[in-house]
Amino acid sequence: MYAIIRSGGKQYRVRQGDRINVDQIDLPEGSDVVLDEVLIIEEDEQTKVGTPLVNGASVSATIEAHIRDKKVTYFHYKNKTRQKRMRGHRQHLTSLQINSITAG
């Protein structure tokens, strides 16, 4: 059984027991989260596709840690003017442990 969920504008394929990193969720570590934006559920070779969401379906998860992603650097350069600028960014993420998937 797996589900495709939407969190933070991105889609993730999850199974029970998986660990995923999603955009930061403002809850303390160790708390439970219910993700109810389920787009697709596959159970016993039967697929339920939502329009856009599957009614009554949800995924429960536990917040394991708040982490930061690898640093992404980018460089802006303008020719002939010697204008340059280097910047970096680290995205804040939340690590989730998937506990169960409930089909609607």
Protein backbone atom coordinates (compact mmCIF):
# COMPACT_ATOMS: atom_id res chain seq x y z
CA MET A 1 0.00 0.00 0.00
CA TYR A 2 1.29 3.44 -0.88
CA ALA A 3 -0.03 6.97 -1.14
CA ILE A 4 0.96 10.10 -2.99
CA ILE A 5 0.62 13.14 -0.75
CA ARG A 6 1.11 16.86 -1.23
CA SER A 7 3.03 18.90 1.33
CA GLY A 8 4.56 22.32 0.82
CA GLY A 9 3.67 22.38 -2.88
CA LYS A 10 5.59 19.16 -3.57
CA GLN A 11 4.37 15.60 -4.04
CA TYR A 12 5.79 12.58 -2.19
CA ARG A 13 5.20 8.84 -2.63
CA VAL A 14 5.06 7.28 0.84
CA ARG A 15 4.61 3.86 2.41
CA GLN A 16 4.17 2.91 6.05
CA GLY A 17 7.55 3.12 7.81
CA ASP A 18 9.13 5.55 5.33
CA ARG A 19 11.15 8.61 6.39
CA ILE A 20 10.78 11.73 4.25
CA ASN A 21 12.01 15.31 4.43
CA VAL A 22 9.36 17.96 3.72
CA ASP A 23 9.32 21.74 3.94
CA GLN A 24 9.32 22.98 7.52
CA ILE A 25 6.21 22.28 9.62
CA ASP A 26 5.85 24.54 12.66
CA LEU A 27 5.23 21.88 15.32
CA PRO A 28 7.61 20.57 18.00
CA GLU A 29 9.65 17.40 17.55
CA GLY A 30 7.86 14.23 18.62
CA SER A 31 4.37 15.51 17.82
CA ASP A 32 1.99 13.71 15.47
CA VAL A 33 0.87 15.22 12.16
CA VAL A 34 -2.05 14.22 9.95
CA LEU A 35 -1.46 14.93 6.26
CA ASP A 36 -4.86 14.99 4.59
CA GLU A 37 -3.89 16.16 1.11
CA VAL A 38 -3.80 12.67 -0.40
CA LEU A 39 -3.83 12.62 -4.21
CA ILE A 40 -3.62 8.87 -4.95
CA ILE A 41 -3.92 5.70 -2.86
CA GLU A 42 -2.97 2.22 -4.10
CA GLU A 43 -4.28 -0.61 -1.93
CA ASP A 44 -4.39 -4.30 -2.90
CA GLU A 45 -3.78 -3.44 -6.58
CA GLN A 46 -6.75 -1.06 -6.61
CA THR A 47 -5.94 2.57 -7.24
CA LYS A 48 -8.07 5.45 -5.98
CA VAL A 49 -7.38 8.71 -7.78
CA GLY A 50 -8.67 11.91 -6.22
CA THR A 51 -10.23 14.84 -8.04
CA PRO A 52 -8.01 16.52 -6.81
CA LEU A 53 -8.01 14.80 -3.36
CA VAL A 54 -9.19 11.37 -2.22
CA ASN A 55 -12.18 11.85 0.11
CA GLY A 56 -11.56 10.71 3.69
CA ALA A 57 -7.97 9.60 3.07
CA SER A 58 -5.15 10.67 5.35
CA VAL A 59 -1.57 9.86 6.28
CA SER A 60 -0.39 10.08 9.88
CA ALA A 61 3.25 10.82 10.65
CA THR A 62 5.53 11.75 13.55
CA ILE A 63 7.96 14.65 13.44
CA GLU A 64 11.44 13.28 14.08
CA ALA A 65 13.65 16.36 13.68
CA HIS A 66 13.95 19.83 12.21
CA ILE A 67 16.97 19.93 9.92
CA ARG A 68 18.55 22.10 7.23
CA ASP A 69 19.30 20.98 3.70
CA LYS A 70 22.66 21.22 1.92
CA LYS A 71 23.79 24.70 1.00
CA VAL A 72 22.87 25.90 -2.47
CA THR A 73 25.13 28.64 -3.82
CA TYR A 74 24.42 30.78 -6.84
CA PHE A 75 26.55 33.34 -8.64
CA HIS A 76 25.35 36.43 -10.53
CA TYR A 77 27.73 38.06 -12.97
CA LYS A 78 27.31 40.94 -15.39
CA ASN A 79 29.74 41.12 -18.22
CA LYS A 80 31.88 44.24 -18.90
CA THR A 81 30.88 45.98 -15.66
CA ARG A 82 32.72 43.58 -13.34
CA GLN A 83 29.59 43.34 -11.27
CA LYS A 84 29.33 40.04 -9.42
CA ARG A 85 27.47 38.67 -6.44
CA MET A 86 27.59 35.27 -4.75
CA ARG A 87 24.80 34.14 -2.46
CA GLY A 88 23.91 30.97 -0.59
CA HIS A 89 20.80 29.45 0.92
CA ARG A 90 19.94 26.50 3.21
CA GLN A 91 16.34 25.32 3.20
CA HIS A 92 14.67 24.46 6.53
CA LEU A 93 13.21 20.92 6.45
CA THR A 94 11.23 18.65 8.73
CA SER A 95 11.98 14.92 8.88
CA LEU A 96 8.81 12.79 9.11
CA GLN A 97 8.32 9.12 10.01
CA ILE A 98 5.20 7.74 8.29
CA ASN A 99 3.08 5.78 10.79
CA SER A 100 -0.05 4.76 8.89
CA ILE A 101 -2.08 5.35 5.75
CA THR A 102 -5.87 5.50 6.01
CA ALA A 103 -7.97 5.07 2.86
CA GLY A 104 -11.27 6.88 2.77
